[in-house]
Amino acid sequence: ALELVRQYDIVADCSDNVPTRYLVNDACVLAGKPLVSGSALRLEGQLVVYNYQGGPCYRCLFPKPPPPETVTNCADGGVLGVVPGIMGCIQALEVLKIASGMGSSFSRFMLMFDAREGRFRNIKLRPKKPDCAVCGENPSVTCLQDYEAFCGSSATDKCRTLHLLSSKDRVSVEEYKKLLDEQVPHVLLDVRPQVEVDICRLGHAVHIPLAKLEEKDEECLKYLEKRICEEKQRTNGQMSFPLYVVCKLGNDSQKAVRILQELPVKEFGSLLAKDIKGGLMAWASKIDPTFPQY
């Protein structure tokens, strides 16, 4: 990567994963090249020019990578196709301005685009860090490294597979289908955003978005408690009531199970929360081929 970057005057980064962003940043700093970095997710876009005319690099702003489970890429979270087009045009504009000697507008500011509101705004960035690991006065990063190991995630823009739970806290779609066929009392919780639920859903599922669980939304938790109590009436004093969680791919459902495992026993009783591996896309490919895939 470093030899490739050295062949060019300016680099434009359009990648959609954290390891690649660190790799491209470090290569640009080591090669002395400006980096025009753009990103887009859902209805929002961002643009920054790093390592240009004394401005900060990517590591100056983000010395440590975020936990992998907190990162959403376009494959997981979706993006409105027009948004990357808009950000790409602005990236091209900044490349031309730098190449022509006009300079960049975003070496010390981050451009943020909100497509929903149709609004652009600039956010002033922190200055270059003297102790930055790659562009600082005494850098510790003097060559490219294993960025997948550094970030704890894969350098891919495709859908990620998280492993947050042990095998005892997960079931396959085949196991869940058997449970349905045997009419075992339980609650199925769908934690996808409303826009995805509007596309397709399993009819018997309770819908509470993951964001509401993370906020400990009182109204949503009371609704979940009510549904659990209703289903419990079908059991014969079962101590641990099964609660299965599903999402699109089996990532957000694992996060939800972690939250559910911490709910107070006083209100919810003893819950046996498990996620469904592979989510609804696994259900569509292995159980019901007529179920929509998106």
C-alpha atoms as a PDB file:
ATOM      1  CA  ALA A   1       0.000   0.000   0.000  1.00  0.00           C
ATOM      2  CA  LEU A   2       2.809   2.414   0.824  1.00  0.00           C
ATOM      3  CA  GLU A   3       4.503   1.914  -2.553  1.00  0.00           C
ATOM      4  CA  LEU A   4       1.160   2.448  -4.280  1.00  0.00           C
ATOM      5  CA  VAL A   5       0.478   5.704  -2.416  1.00  0.00           C
ATOM      6  CA  ARG A   6       3.954   7.040  -3.224  1.00  0.00           C
ATOM      7  CA  GLN A   7       3.099   6.963  -6.940  1.00  0.00           C
ATOM      8  CA  TYR A   8       0.403   9.643  -6.556  1.00  0.00           C
ATOM      9  CA  ASP A   9       0.205  13.269  -5.441  1.00  0.00           C
ATOM     10  CA  ILE A  10      -3.176  13.117  -3.687  1.00  0.00           C
ATOM     11  CA  VAL A  11      -5.172  10.209  -2.240  1.00  0.00           C
ATOM     12  CA  ALA A  12      -8.973  10.052  -1.972  1.00  0.00           C
ATOM     13  CA  ASP A  13     -10.301   7.557   0.575  1.00  0.00           C
ATOM     14  CA  CYS A  14     -13.821   6.225  -0.003  1.00  0.00           C
ATOM     15  CA  SER A  15     -13.493   3.042   2.065  1.00  0.00           C
ATOM     16  CA  ASP A  16     -16.189   1.807   4.420  1.00  0.00           C
ATOM     17  CA  ASN A  17     -14.257   0.071   7.190  1.00  0.00           C
ATOM     18  CA  VAL A  18     -12.025   1.229  10.022  1.00  0.00           C
ATOM     19  CA  PRO A  19      -8.853  -0.845   9.350  1.00  0.00           C
ATOM     20  CA  THR A  20      -8.590   0.496   5.794  1.00  0.00           C
ATOM     21  CA  ARG A  21      -8.995   4.079   6.996  1.00  0.00           C
ATOM     22  CA  TYR A  22      -6.097   3.686   9.436  1.00  0.00           C
ATOM     23  CA  LEU A  23      -3.971   1.969   6.789  1.00  0.00           C
ATOM     24  CA  VAL A  24      -4.578   4.671   4.159  1.00  0.00           C
ATOM     25  CA  ASN A  25      -3.966   7.442   6.698  1.00  0.00           C
ATOM     26  CA  ASP A  26      -0.660   5.975   7.863  1.00  0.00           C
ATOM     27  CA  ALA A  27       0.481   5.346   4.295  1.00  0.00           C
ATOM     28  CA  CYS A  28      -0.300   8.960   3.350  1.00  0.00           C
ATOM     29  CA  VAL A  29       1.561  10.346   6.367  1.00  0.00           C
ATOM     30  CA  LEU A  30       4.606   8.127   5.747  1.00  0.00           C
ATOM     31  CA  ALA A  31       4.589   9.062   2.044  1.00  0.00           C
ATOM     32  CA  GLY A  32       3.877  12.754   2.689  1.00  0.00           C
ATOM     33  CA  LYS A  33       0.626  12.838   0.694  1.00  0.00           C
ATOM     34  CA  PRO A  34      -2.615  14.722   1.470  1.00  0.00           C
ATOM     35  CA  LEU A  35      -5.626  12.504   2.109  1.00  0.00           C
ATOM     36  CA  VAL A  36      -9.122  13.569   1.028  1.00  0.00           C
ATOM     37  CA  SER A  37     -11.405  11.361   3.104  1.00  0.00           C
ATOM     38  CA  GLY A  38     -15.143  11.007   2.574  1.00  0.00           C
ATOM     39  CA  SER A  39     -17.767   8.817   4.219  1.00  0.00           C
ATOM     40  CA  ALA A  40     -21.514   8.293   4.044  1.00  0.00           C
ATOM     41  CA  LEU A  41     -24.079   6.362   6.063  1.00  0.00           C
ATOM     42  CA  ARG A  42     -27.854   6.373   5.788  1.00  0.00           C
ATOM     43  CA  LEU A  43     -28.722  10.056   5.152  1.00  0.00           C
ATOM     44  CA  GLU A  44     -25.481  11.636   6.341  1.00  0.00           C
ATOM     45  CA  GLY A  45     -22.045  12.336   4.904  1.00  0.00           C
ATOM     46  CA  GLN A  46     -18.701  13.632   6.185  1.00  0.00           C
ATOM     47  CA  LEU A  47     -15.553  14.948   4.538  1.00  0.00           C
ATOM     48  CA  VAL A  48     -12.120  15.885   5.912  1.00  0.00           C
ATOM     49  CA  VAL A  49      -8.732  16.537   4.298  1.00  0.00           C
ATOM     50  CA  TYR A  50      -6.009  14.969   6.448  1.00  0.00           C
ATOM     51  CA  ASN A  51      -2.246  15.500   6.531  1.00  0.00           C
ATOM     52  CA  TYR A  52      -2.368  18.739   4.550  1.00  0.00           C
ATOM     53  CA  GLN A  53      -0.506  21.996   5.245  1.00  0.00           C
ATOM     54  CA  GLY A  54       0.099  21.253   8.915  1.00  0.00           C
ATOM     55  CA  GLY A  55      -3.393  19.979   9.616  1.00  0.00           C
ATOM     56  CA  PRO A  56      -4.165  16.844  11.641  1.00  0.00           C
ATOM     57  CA  CYS A  57      -4.140  13.296  10.346  1.00  0.00           C
ATOM     58  CA  TYR A  58      -6.809  10.672  11.007  1.00  0.00           C
ATOM     59  CA  ARG A  59      -4.913   9.332  14.028  1.00  0.00           C
ATOM     60  CA  CYS A  60      -4.735  12.815  15.553  1.00  0.00           C
ATOM     61  CA  LEU A  61      -8.523  12.779  15.808  1.00  0.00           C
ATOM     62  CA  PHE A  62      -8.962   9.053  16.449  1.00  0.00           C
ATOM     63  CA  PRO A  63      -5.863   7.702  18.248  1.00  0.00           C
ATOM     64  CA  LYS A  64      -7.642   4.444  19.097  1.00  0.00           C
ATOM     65  CA  PRO A  65     -10.114   2.527  16.934  1.00  0.00           C
ATOM     66  CA  PRO A  66     -13.677   2.187  18.241  1.00  0.00           C
ATOM     67  CA  PRO A  67     -14.914  -1.178  19.560  1.00  0.00           C
ATOM     68  CA  PRO A  68     -15.938  -3.272  16.510  1.00  0.00           C
ATOM     69  CA  GLU A  69     -19.475  -3.808  17.826  1.00  0.00           C
ATOM     70  CA  THR A  70     -20.122  -0.041  17.812  1.00  0.00           C
ATOM     71  CA  VAL A  71     -19.249   0.446  14.138  1.00  0.00           C
ATOM     72  CA  THR A  72     -21.912   0.319  11.425  1.00  0.00           C
ATOM     73  CA  ASN A  73     -21.013   0.210   7.746  1.00  0.00           C
ATOM     74  CA  CYS A  74     -23.213   0.792   4.703  1.00  0.00           C
ATOM     75  CA  ALA A  75     -23.828  -2.926   4.203  1.00  0.00           C
ATOM     76  CA  ASP A  76     -25.277  -3.160   7.725  1.00  0.00           C
ATOM     77  CA  GLY A  77     -26.836   0.276   8.173  1.00  0.00           C
ATOM     78  CA  GLY A  78     -27.702   1.195   4.598  1.00  0.00           C
ATOM     79  CA  VAL A  79     -27.132   4.428   2.713  1.00  0.00           C
ATOM     80  CA  LEU A  80     -29.272   6.523   0.366  1.00  0.00           C
ATOM     81  CA  GLY A  81     -27.453   6.270  -2.965  1.00  0.00           C
ATOM     82  CA  VAL A  82     -27.525  10.008  -3.643  1.00  0.00           C
ATOM     83  CA  VAL A  83     -25.522  10.785  -0.482  1.00  0.00           C
ATOM     84  CA  PRO A  84     -22.257   9.053  -1.547  1.00  0.00           C
ATOM     85  CA  GLY A  85     -22.661  10.769  -4.919  1.00  0.00           C
ATOM     86  CA  ILE A  86     -22.824  14.193  -3.278  1.00  0.00           C
ATOM     87  CA  MET A  87     -19.866  13.476  -1.005  1.00  0.00           C
ATOM     88  CA  GLY A  88     -17.891  12.038  -3.925  1.00  0.00           C
ATOM     89  CA  CYS A  89     -18.416  15.218  -5.951  1.00  0.00           C
ATOM     90  CA  ILE A  90     -17.150  17.342  -3.058  1.00  0.00           C
ATOM     91  CA  GLN A  91     -14.167  15.007  -2.671  1.00  0.00           C
ATOM     92  CA  ALA A  92     -13.361  15.463  -6.360  1.00  0.00           C
ATOM     93  CA  LEU A  93     -13.639  19.239  -5.923  1.00  0.00           C
ATOM     94  CA  GLU A  94     -11.166  19.208  -3.021  1.00  0.00           C
ATOM     95  CA  VAL A  95      -8.728  17.044  -5.003  1.00  0.00           C
ATOM     96  CA  LEU A  96      -8.848  19.535  -7.897  1.00  0.00           C
ATOM     97  CA  LYS A  97      -8.370  22.497  -5.558  1.00  0.00           C
ATOM     98  CA  ILE A  98      -5.318  20.895  -3.942  1.00  0.00           C
ATOM     99  CA  ALA A  99      -3.867  19.810  -7.301  1.00  0.00           C
ATOM    100  CA  SER A 100      -4.273  23.313  -8.763  1.00  0.00           C
ATOM    101  CA  GLY A 101      -2.675  25.012  -5.769  1.00  0.00           C
ATOM    102  CA  MET A 102      -5.887  26.650  -4.538  1.00  0.00           C
ATOM    103  CA  GLY A 103      -5.711  24.738  -1.261  1.00  0.00           C
ATOM    104  CA  SER A 104      -8.431  22.895   0.628  1.00  0.00           C
ATOM    105  CA  SER A 105     -11.325  24.199   2.693  1.00  0.00           C
ATOM    106  CA  PHE A 106     -11.361  21.169   4.985  1.00  0.00           C
ATOM    107  CA  SER A 107      -7.870  20.543   6.362  1.00  0.00           C
ATOM    108  CA  ARG A 108      -8.938  22.010   9.702  1.00  0.00           C
ATOM    109  CA  PHE A 109     -12.691  21.598   9.425  1.00  0.00           C
ATOM    110  CA  MET A 110     -14.995  18.620   8.992  1.00  0.00           C
ATOM    111  CA  LEU A 111     -17.815  19.058   6.493  1.00  0.00           C
ATOM    112  CA  MET A 112     -21.026  17.369   7.634  1.00  0.00           C
ATOM    113  CA  PHE A 113     -23.982  16.843   5.309  1.00  0.00           C
ATOM    114  CA  ASP A 114     -27.499  16.083   6.529  1.00  0.00           C
ATOM    115  CA  ALA A 115     -29.580  14.911   3.569  1.00  0.00           C
ATOM    116  CA  ARG A 116     -32.788  14.789   5.591  1.00  0.00           C
ATOM    117  CA  GLU A 117     -32.561  18.485   6.451  1.00  0.00           C
ATOM    118  CA  GLY A 118     -30.721  19.450   3.254  1.00  0.00           C
ATOM    119  CA  ARG A 119     -28.055  21.158   5.339  1.00  0.00           C
ATOM    120  CA  PHE A 120     -24.254  21.461   5.329  1.00  0.00           C
ATOM    121  CA  ARG A 121     -22.222  22.591   8.325  1.00  0.00           C
ATOM    122  CA  ASN A 122     -18.543  22.845   9.247  1.00  0.00           C
ATOM    123  CA  ILE A 123     -17.067  21.634  12.527  1.00  0.00           C
ATOM    124  CA  LYS A 124     -13.651  22.913  13.587  1.00  0.00           C
ATOM    125  CA  LEU A 125     -11.173  20.090  14.209  1.00  0.00           C
ATOM    126  CA  ARG A 126      -8.614  19.738  16.952  1.00  0.00           C
ATOM    127  CA  PRO A 127      -5.130  20.780  15.768  1.00  0.00           C
ATOM    128  CA  LYS A 128      -2.405  18.333  14.861  1.00  0.00           C
ATOM    129  CA  LYS A 129      -1.254  16.405  17.947  1.00  0.00           C
ATOM    130  CA  PRO A 130       2.451  16.715  18.805  1.00  0.00           C
ATOM    131  CA  ASP A 131       2.307  13.223  20.328  1.00  0.00           C
ATOM    132  CA  CYS A 132       0.417  11.576  17.442  1.00  0.00           C
ATOM    133  CA  ALA A 133       1.618   8.008  16.891  1.00  0.00           C
ATOM    134  CA  VAL A 134       2.246   8.533  13.171  1.00  0.00           C
ATOM    135  CA  CYS A 135       2.583  12.275  12.410  1.00  0.00           C
ATOM    136  CA  GLY A 136       3.807  13.518  15.803  1.00  0.00           C
ATOM    137  CA  GLU A 137       7.245  14.742  16.799  1.00  0.00           C
ATOM    138  CA  ASN A 138       8.381  11.277  17.924  1.00  0.00           C
ATOM    139  CA  PRO A 139       6.210   8.823  15.977  1.00  0.00           C
ATOM    140  CA  SER A 140       5.935   5.219  17.119  1.00  0.00           C
ATOM    141  CA  VAL A 141       4.378   4.116  13.815  1.00  0.00           C
ATOM    142  CA  THR A 142       7.153   4.231  11.225  1.00  0.00           C
ATOM    143  CA  CYS A 143       5.890   1.488   8.933  1.00  0.00           C
ATOM    144  CA  LEU A 144       2.561  -0.081   8.035  1.00  0.00           C
ATOM    145  CA  GLN A 145       1.222  -2.672  10.483  1.00  0.00           C
ATOM    146  CA  ASP A 146      -1.492  -5.307  10.825  1.00  0.00           C
ATOM    147  CA  TYR A 147      -4.536  -3.033  10.846  1.00  0.00           C
ATOM    148  CA  GLU A 148      -7.089  -5.796  11.257  1.00  0.00           C
ATOM    149  CA  ALA A 149      -5.357  -6.826  14.489  1.00  0.00           C
ATOM    150  CA  PHE A 150      -5.053  -3.175  15.573  1.00  0.00           C
ATOM    151  CA  CYS A 151      -8.769  -2.509  15.021  1.00  0.00           C
ATOM    152  CA  GLY A 152     -10.086  -5.940  15.978  1.00  0.00           C
ATOM    153  CA  SER A 153     -12.189  -6.116  12.807  1.00  0.00           C
ATOM    154  CA  SER A 154     -11.901  -7.150   9.169  1.00  0.00           C
ATOM    155  CA  ALA A 155     -10.829  -4.796   6.399  1.00  0.00           C
ATOM    156  CA  THR A 156     -13.951  -5.423   4.360  1.00  0.00           C
ATOM    157  CA  ASP A 157     -16.941  -3.345   3.309  1.00  0.00           C
ATOM    158  CA  LYS A 158     -19.201  -6.388   3.362  1.00  0.00           C
ATOM    159  CA  CYS A 159     -21.559  -7.326   6.181  1.00  0.00           C
ATOM    160  CA  ARG A 160     -19.694  -8.061   9.398  1.00  0.00           C
ATOM    161  CA  THR A 161     -20.309 -10.980  11.718  1.00  0.00           C
ATOM    162  CA  LEU A 162     -19.943 -10.130  15.390  1.00  0.00           C
ATOM    163  CA  HIS A 163     -19.230 -12.704  18.090  1.00  0.00           C
ATOM    164  CA  LEU A 164     -20.401 -11.100  21.324  1.00  0.00           C
ATOM    165  CA  LEU A 165     -22.185 -14.064  22.920  1.00  0.00           C
ATOM    166  CA  SER A 166     -21.221 -17.591  23.859  1.00  0.00           C
ATOM    167  CA  SER A 167     -22.798 -20.506  22.004  1.00  0.00           C
ATOM    168  CA  LYS A 168     -25.193 -21.194  24.898  1.00  0.00           C
ATOM    169  CA  ASP A 169     -26.783 -17.770  24.341  1.00  0.00           C
ATOM    170  CA  ARG A 170     -27.464 -18.363  20.643  1.00  0.00           C
ATOM    171  CA  VAL A 171     -29.711 -20.610  18.545  1.00  0.00           C
ATOM    172  CA  SER A 172     -29.727 -21.386  14.842  1.00  0.00           C
ATOM    173  CA  VAL A 173     -32.706 -20.633  12.612  1.00  0.00           C
ATOM    174  CA  GLU A 174     -33.281 -24.393  12.353  1.00  0.00           C
ATOM    175  CA  GLU A 175     -33.506 -24.676  16.132  1.00  0.00           C
ATOM    176  CA  TYR A 176     -35.902 -21.752  16.290  1.00  0.00           C
ATOM    177  CA  LYS A 177     -38.094 -23.257  13.548  1.00  0.00           C
ATOM    178  CA  LYS A 178     -38.317 -26.491  15.555  1.00  0.00           C
ATOM    179  CA  LEU A 179     -39.346 -24.480  18.611  1.00  0.00           C
ATOM    180  CA  LEU A 180     -42.126 -22.857  16.560  1.00  0.00           C
ATOM    181  CA  ASP A 181     -43.320 -26.188  15.199  1.00  0.00           C
ATOM    182  CA  GLU A 182     -43.522 -27.580  18.730  1.00  0.00           C
ATOM    183  CA  GLN A 183     -45.436 -24.460  19.864  1.00  0.00           C
ATOM    184  CA  VAL A 184     -43.097 -23.806  22.771  1.00  0.00           C
ATOM    185  CA  PRO A 185     -44.225 -20.664  24.673  1.00  0.00           C
ATOM    186  CA  HIS A 186     -41.797 -17.806  24.141  1.00  0.00           C
ATOM    187  CA  VAL A 187     -41.510 -14.208  22.964  1.00  0.00           C
ATOM    188  CA  LEU A 188     -39.701 -13.245  19.763  1.00  0.00           C
ATOM    189  CA  LEU A 189     -38.236  -9.733  19.875  1.00  0.00           C
ATOM    190  CA  ASP A 190     -37.347  -7.968  16.605  1.00  0.00           C
ATOM    191  CA  VAL A 191     -34.810  -5.174  17.267  1.00  0.00           C
ATOM    192  CA  ARG A 192     -34.452  -3.785  13.731  1.00  0.00           C
ATOM    193  CA  PRO A 193     -35.225  -0.133  12.911  1.00  0.00           C
ATOM    194  CA  GLN A 194     -38.819   0.606  11.904  1.00  0.00           C
ATOM    195  CA  VAL A 195     -37.864   1.174   8.257  1.00  0.00           C
ATOM    196  CA  GLU A 196     -36.606  -2.425   8.009  1.00  0.00           C
ATOM    197  CA  VAL A 197     -39.621  -3.851   9.829  1.00  0.00           C
ATOM    198  CA  ASP A 198     -41.823  -2.101   7.263  1.00  0.00           C
ATOM    199  CA  ILE A 199     -40.101  -4.145   4.541  1.00  0.00           C
ATOM    200  CA  CYS A 200     -40.700  -7.544   6.122  1.00  0.00           C
ATOM    201  CA  ARG A 201     -41.225  -9.188   9.494  1.00  0.00           C
ATOM    202  CA  LEU A 202     -42.260 -12.397  11.209  1.00  0.00           C
ATOM    203  CA  GLY A 203     -45.891 -11.861  12.149  1.00  0.00           C
ATOM    204  CA  HIS A 204     -45.630 -13.056  15.751  1.00  0.00           C
ATOM    205  CA  ALA A 205     -42.623 -10.888  16.635  1.00  0.00           C
ATOM    206  CA  VAL A 206     -42.675  -8.023  19.128  1.00  0.00           C
ATOM    207  CA  HIS A 207     -40.902  -4.977  17.693  1.00  0.00           C
ATOM    208  CA  ILE A 208     -38.664  -2.767  19.831  1.00  0.00           C
ATOM    209  CA  PRO A 209     -35.715  -1.098  18.048  1.00  0.00           C
ATOM    210  CA  LEU A 210     -32.279  -1.695  19.533  1.00  0.00           C
ATOM    211  CA  ALA A 211     -31.899   2.058  20.088  1.00  0.00           C
ATOM    212  CA  LYS A 212     -34.902   2.008  22.440  1.00  0.00           C
ATOM    213  CA  LEU A 213     -33.412  -0.865  24.424  1.00  0.00           C
ATOM    214  CA  GLU A 214     -30.092   0.955  24.685  1.00  0.00           C
ATOM    215  CA  GLU A 215     -31.935   4.016  26.003  1.00  0.00           C
ATOM    216  CA  LYS A 216     -33.849   1.816  28.485  1.00  0.00           C
ATOM    217  CA  ASP A 217     -37.016   3.436  27.110  1.00  0.00           C
ATOM    218  CA  GLU A 218     -39.619   3.015  29.859  1.00  0.00           C
ATOM    219  CA  GLU A 219     -42.639   2.698  27.561  1.00  0.00           C
ATOM    220  CA  CYS A 220     -40.973   0.050  25.406  1.00  0.00           C
ATOM    221  CA  LEU A 221     -39.779  -1.954  28.409  1.00  0.00           C
ATOM    222  CA  LYS A 222     -43.275  -1.918  29.910  1.00  0.00           C
ATOM    223  CA  TYR A 223     -44.672  -3.159  26.592  1.00  0.00           C
ATOM    224  CA  LEU A 224     -42.112  -5.968  26.522  1.00  0.00           C
ATOM    225  CA  GLU A 225     -42.901  -6.866  30.132  1.00  0.00           C
ATOM    226  CA  LYS A 226     -46.615  -7.047  29.269  1.00  0.00           C
ATOM    227  CA  ARG A 227     -46.019  -9.381  26.314  1.00  0.00           C
ATOM    228  CA  ILE A 228     -43.795 -11.630  28.397  1.00  0.00           C
ATOM    229  CA  CYS A 229     -46.445 -11.842  31.132  1.00  0.00           C
ATOM    230  CA  GLU A 230     -49.089 -12.744  28.552  1.00  0.00           C
ATOM    231  CA  GLU A 231     -46.984 -15.575  27.174  1.00  0.00           C
ATOM    232  CA  LYS A 232     -46.000 -16.781  30.637  1.00  0.00           C
ATOM    233  CA  GLN A 233     -49.635 -17.576  31.311  1.00  0.00           C
ATOM    234  CA  ARG A 234     -49.309 -20.398  28.774  1.00  0.00           C
ATOM    235  CA  THR A 235     -46.603 -22.078  30.862  1.00  0.00           C
ATOM    236  CA  ASN A 236     -46.858 -24.197  33.985  1.00  0.00           C
ATOM    237  CA  GLY A 237     -44.810 -22.066  36.334  1.00  0.00           C
ATOM    238  CA  GLN A 238     -41.721 -22.221  34.138  1.00  0.00           C
ATOM    239  CA  MET A 239     -38.834 -20.634  36.045  1.00  0.00           C
ATOM    240  CA  SER A 240     -36.806 -19.194  33.141  1.00  0.00           C
ATOM    241  CA  PHE A 241     -38.948 -17.799  30.352  1.00  0.00           C
ATOM    242  CA  PRO A 242     -37.407 -17.953  26.844  1.00  0.00           C
ATOM    243  CA  LEU A 243     -36.998 -14.694  24.936  1.00  0.00           C
ATOM    244  CA  TYR A 244     -35.499 -14.922  21.446  1.00  0.00           C
ATOM    245  CA  VAL A 245     -34.074 -11.880  19.693  1.00  0.00           C
ATOM    246  CA  VAL A 246     -33.785 -11.390  15.947  1.00  0.00           C
ATOM    247  CA  CYS A 247     -32.421  -8.703  13.627  1.00  0.00           C
ATOM    248  CA  LYS A 248     -31.329  -8.653   9.995  1.00  0.00           C
ATOM    249  CA  LEU A 249     -27.953 -10.414  10.288  1.00  0.00           C
ATOM    250  CA  GLY A 250     -27.537 -11.523  13.901  1.00  0.00           C
ATOM    251  CA  ASN A 251     -25.337  -8.627  15.061  1.00  0.00           C
ATOM    252  CA  ASP A 252     -27.749  -6.183  16.703  1.00  0.00           C
ATOM    253  CA  SER A 253     -29.610  -9.107  18.250  1.00  0.00           C
ATOM    254  CA  GLN A 254     -26.467 -10.033  20.186  1.00  0.00           C
ATOM    255  CA  LYS A 255     -26.188  -6.482  21.518  1.00  0.00           C
ATOM    256  CA  ALA A 256     -29.846  -6.644  22.539  1.00  0.00           C
ATOM    257  CA  VAL A 257     -29.366  -9.941  24.395  1.00  0.00           C
ATOM    258  CA  ARG A 258     -26.591  -8.355  26.439  1.00  0.00           C
ATOM    259  CA  ILE A 259     -28.966  -5.561  27.453  1.00  0.00           C
ATOM    260  CA  LEU A 260     -31.815  -7.961  28.221  1.00  0.00           C
ATOM    261  CA  GLN A 261     -29.586 -10.089  30.422  1.00  0.00           C
ATOM    262  CA  GLU A 262     -29.111  -7.054  32.669  1.00  0.00           C
ATOM    263  CA  LEU A 263     -32.814  -6.232  33.105  1.00  0.00           C
ATOM    264  CA  PRO A 264     -34.058  -6.351  36.716  1.00  0.00           C
ATOM    265  CA  VAL A 265     -35.460  -9.738  37.728  1.00  0.00           C
ATOM    266  CA  LYS A 266     -38.085  -8.012  39.882  1.00  0.00           C
ATOM    267  CA  GLU A 267     -39.954  -6.641  36.855  1.00  0.00           C
ATOM    268  CA  PHE A 268     -39.162  -9.216  34.189  1.00  0.00           C
ATOM    269  CA  GLY A 269     -38.612 -12.372  36.172  1.00  0.00           C
ATOM    270  CA  SER A 270     -35.924 -14.814  35.133  1.00  0.00           C
ATOM    271  CA  LEU A 271     -35.427 -14.378  31.382  1.00  0.00           C
ATOM    272  CA  LEU A 272     -33.586 -16.834  29.165  1.00  0.00           C
ATOM    273  CA  ALA A 273     -32.596 -14.422  26.393  1.00  0.00           C
ATOM    274  CA  LYS A 274     -30.942 -15.796  23.261  1.00  0.00           C
ATOM    275  CA  ASP A 275     -30.277 -14.412  19.815  1.00  0.00           C
ATOM    276  CA  ILE A 276     -31.002 -16.108  16.499  1.00  0.00           C
ATOM    277  CA  LYS A 277     -27.780 -16.590  14.551  1.00  0.00           C
ATOM    278  CA  GLY A 278     -27.728 -15.038  11.104  1.00  0.00           C
ATOM    279  CA  GLY A 279     -30.982 -13.187  11.719  1.00  0.00           C
ATOM    280  CA  LEU A 280     -33.806 -12.902   9.231  1.00  0.00           C
ATOM    281  CA  MET A 281     -31.495 -13.259   6.252  1.00  0.00           C
ATOM    282  CA  ALA A 282     -30.544 -16.723   7.528  1.00  0.00           C
ATOM    283  CA  TRP A 283     -34.260 -17.432   8.006  1.00  0.00           C
ATOM    284  CA  ALA A 284     -34.886 -16.462   4.377  1.00  0.00           C
ATOM    285  CA  SER A 285     -32.039 -18.566   2.980  1.00  0.00           C
ATOM    286  CA  LYS A 286     -32.473 -21.675   5.152  1.00  0.00           C
ATOM    287  CA  ILE A 287     -36.109 -21.820   6.280  1.00  0.00           C
ATOM    288  CA  ASP A 288     -38.449 -19.719   4.136  1.00  0.00           C
ATOM    289  CA  PRO A 289     -37.214 -18.879   0.606  1.00  0.00           C
ATOM    290  CA  THR A 290     -40.287 -16.663   0.075  1.00  0.00           C
ATOM    291  CA  PHE A 291     -39.231 -14.338   2.902  1.00  0.00           C
ATOM    292  CA  PRO A 292     -37.926 -11.035   1.417  1.00  0.00           C
ATOM    293  CA  GLN A 293     -34.179 -10.435   1.415  1.00  0.00           C
ATOM    294  CA  TYR A 294     -32.951  -6.852   1.371  1.00  0.00           C
END
